[in-house]
């Protein structure tokens, strides 16, 4: 356990940020799963609607520094390609 005040604060801040990042990543994964489920069901309209929501969620996560921009671009590209393949 840390003895120095600043070290104690860093531990608390790290825990807070880790919890925030975990929640945001979970939100992104859920959005992706919704798109994948719509693709599996071959429901084009639902897939497109869920894709728009997923892209917004991923861009928000990127702007907060949870994901690297190239990672987000790759995920969006693959999802869009999958949705377009059933359309």
Protein backbone atom coordinates (compact mmCIF):
# COMPACT_ATOMS: atom_id res chain seq x y z
CA UNK A 1 0.00 0.00 0.00
CA UNK A 2 1.21 3.47 -0.85
CA UNK A 3 2.29 5.81 1.94
CA UNK A 4 2.67 9.03 0.00
CA UNK A 5 -0.43 11.14 -0.49
CA UNK A 6 0.08 11.64 -4.22
CA UNK A 7 0.58 7.89 -4.72
CA UNK A 8 -2.69 7.19 -2.86
CA UNK A 9 -4.47 9.67 -5.11
CA UNK A 10 -3.01 8.07 -8.25
CA UNK A 11 -4.40 4.69 -7.11
CA UNK A 12 -7.88 6.18 -6.67
CA UNK A 13 -7.75 8.00 -10.01
CA UNK A 14 -6.53 4.86 -11.79
CA UNK A 15 -9.44 2.85 -10.34
CA UNK A 16 -11.95 5.51 -11.39
CA UNK A 17 -10.60 5.69 -14.94
CA UNK A 18 -10.43 1.90 -15.25
CA UNK A 19 -14.08 1.62 -14.22
CA UNK A 20 -15.07 4.31 -16.74
CA UNK A 21 -13.09 2.67 -19.54
CA UNK A 22 -14.60 -0.71 -18.71
CA UNK A 23 -18.13 0.69 -18.88
CA UNK A 24 -17.47 2.38 -22.22
CA UNK A 25 -15.88 -0.75 -23.71
CA UNK A 26 -18.86 -2.80 -22.54
CA UNK A 27 -21.23 -0.34 -24.21
CA UNK A 28 -19.31 -0.64 -27.49
CA UNK A 29 -19.30 -4.45 -27.35
CA UNK A 30 -23.05 -4.51 -26.71
CA UNK A 31 -23.66 -2.23 -29.70
CA UNK A 32 -21.54 -4.48 -31.91
CA UNK A 33 -23.40 -7.58 -30.71
CA UNK A 34 -26.72 -5.96 -31.63
CA UNK A 35 -25.48 -5.35 -35.17
CA UNK A 36 -24.15 -8.91 -35.43
CA UNK A 37 -27.48 -10.32 -34.21
CA UNK A 38 -29.36 -8.32 -36.85
CA UNK A 39 -26.92 -9.52 -39.52
CA UNK A 40 -27.41 -13.14 -38.43
CA UNK A 41 -31.19 -12.66 -38.65
CA UNK A 42 -30.72 -10.99 -42.08
CA UNK A 43 -32.78 -8.02 -40.91
CA UNK A 44 -31.43 -5.18 -43.07
CA UNK A 45 -33.33 -2.26 -41.52
CA UNK A 46 -32.51 -3.22 -37.93
CA UNK A 47 -28.89 -3.87 -38.89
CA UNK A 48 -28.56 -0.42 -40.46
CA UNK A 49 -30.19 1.29 -37.47
CA UNK A 50 -27.99 -0.61 -35.03
CA UNK A 51 -24.94 0.13 -37.17
CA UNK A 52 -25.57 3.89 -36.93
CA UNK A 53 -25.90 3.59 -33.14
CA UNK A 54 -22.76 1.44 -32.90
CA UNK A 55 -20.72 3.88 -34.97
CA UNK A 56 -21.80 6.76 -32.74
CA UNK A 57 -20.90 4.77 -29.62
CA UNK A 58 -17.48 3.80 -31.02
CA UNK A 59 -16.67 7.36 -32.09
CA UNK A 60 -17.60 8.60 -28.62
CA UNK A 61 -15.29 5.99 -27.05
CA UNK A 62 -12.48 7.07 -29.39
CA UNK A 63 -12.92 10.73 -28.52
CA UNK A 64 -12.63 9.84 -24.83
CA UNK A 65 -9.37 7.97 -25.47
CA UNK A 66 -10.66 4.47 -24.75
CA UNK A 67 -9.89 3.17 -28.25
CA UNK A 68 -7.24 4.21 -30.77
CA UNK A 69 -8.69 5.86 -33.86
CA UNK A 70 -7.37 3.14 -36.17
CA UNK A 71 -8.97 0.44 -34.03
CA UNK A 72 -12.29 2.21 -34.26
CA UNK A 73 -11.92 2.71 -38.00
CA UNK A 74 -11.18 -0.99 -38.47
CA UNK A 75 -14.18 -2.08 -36.39
CA UNK A 76 -16.52 0.34 -38.19
CA UNK A 77 -15.23 -0.78 -41.58
CA UNK A 78 -15.78 -4.46 -40.82
CA UNK A 79 -19.26 -3.88 -39.42
CA UNK A 80 -20.28 -1.73 -42.38
CA UNK A 81 -18.95 -4.32 -44.82
CA UNK A 82 -20.94 -7.05 -43.04
CA UNK A 83 -24.16 -4.99 -43.09
CA UNK A 84 -23.69 -4.15 -46.78
CA UNK A 85 -23.19 -7.84 -47.59
CA UNK A 86 -26.75 -8.68 -46.47
CA UNK A 87 -28.33 -5.59 -48.07
